[in-house]
Amino acid sequence: MTELRTLKDLRLYDYSDGCRCEELIKAEAVKWIKEYEKKNNYADYGIVIETFKHFFNITEEDLK
């Protein structure tokens, strides 16, 4: 069994409208990160934010 390291490791299928599942999941993760950064102390939730960024392959550009 292989270890799941990032979202790219999942083999997700396309929706019929052409939108990829990864894009929808990544967009939701970006929303969560922004919410954590806005409402919470980074010192308390920094590991969650950094884990999300790594797993969902989120760059600083994605967060703008």
Protein backbone atom coordinates (compact mmCIF):
# COMPACT_ATOMS: atom_id res chain seq x y z
CA MET A 1 0.00 0.00 0.00
CA THR A 2 1.41 3.39 -1.00
CA GLU A 3 1.45 6.32 1.36
CA LEU A 4 -0.79 9.25 0.45
CA ARG A 5 1.42 12.34 0.43
CA THR A 6 -0.44 15.03 -1.52
CA LEU A 7 -3.70 15.61 -3.33
CA LYS A 8 -1.97 14.70 -6.60
CA ASP A 9 -1.53 11.17 -5.26
CA LEU A 10 -5.29 10.66 -5.38
CA ARG A 11 -6.68 9.46 -8.66
CA LEU A 12 -9.83 11.51 -8.99
CA TYR A 13 -12.16 11.52 -11.97
CA ASP A 14 -13.42 14.49 -13.98
CA TYR A 15 -16.95 15.71 -13.54
CA SER A 16 -19.11 15.67 -16.65
CA ASP A 17 -18.83 19.47 -16.92
CA GLY A 18 -15.05 19.20 -17.27
CA CYS A 19 -14.19 20.53 -13.81
CA ARG A 20 -11.62 18.39 -12.08
CA CYS A 21 -12.29 17.15 -8.57
CA GLU A 22 -8.82 18.26 -7.50
CA GLU A 23 -9.61 21.84 -8.45
CA LEU A 24 -12.80 21.85 -6.37
CA ILE A 25 -11.08 20.31 -3.35
CA LYS A 26 -8.12 22.67 -3.63
CA ALA A 27 -10.44 25.68 -3.86
CA GLU A 28 -12.19 24.57 -0.67
CA ALA A 29 -8.83 24.10 1.09
CA VAL A 30 -7.81 27.63 0.07
CA LYS A 31 -11.01 28.94 1.69
CA TRP A 32 -10.24 27.05 4.89
CA ILE A 33 -6.66 28.35 5.01
CA LYS A 34 -7.79 31.93 4.52
CA GLU A 35 -10.36 31.50 7.27
CA TYR A 36 -7.77 30.03 9.67
CA GLU A 37 -5.33 32.84 8.90
CA LYS A 38 -7.99 35.53 9.32
CA LYS A 39 -9.72 34.35 12.51
CA ASN A 40 -7.12 32.34 14.36
CA ASN A 41 -3.67 32.80 15.78
CA TYR A 42 -1.06 31.34 13.41
CA ALA A 43 0.93 30.07 16.41
CA ASP A 44 -2.03 27.88 17.38
CA TYR A 45 -3.01 26.69 13.91
CA GLY A 46 0.20 27.05 11.92
CA ILE A 47 0.72 23.31 11.61
CA VAL A 48 -2.79 22.89 10.20
CA ILE A 49 -2.22 25.67 7.68
CA GLU A 50 1.17 24.30 6.60
CA THR A 51 -0.23 20.75 6.32
CA PHE A 52 -3.07 21.98 4.12
CA LYS A 53 -0.64 23.94 1.95
CA HIS A 54 1.55 20.89 1.47
CA PHE A 55 -1.19 18.29 0.93
CA PHE A 56 -3.28 20.42 -1.41
CA ASN A 57 -0.24 21.85 -3.25
CA ILE A 58 -1.25 25.43 -2.41
CA THR A 59 1.14 28.26 -3.22
CA GLU A 60 1.15 31.83 -1.96
CA GLU A 61 -0.21 32.80 -5.39
CA ASP A 62 -3.25 30.57 -4.77
CA LEU A 63 -3.94 32.42 -1.54
CA LYS A 64 -4.16 35.85 -3.20
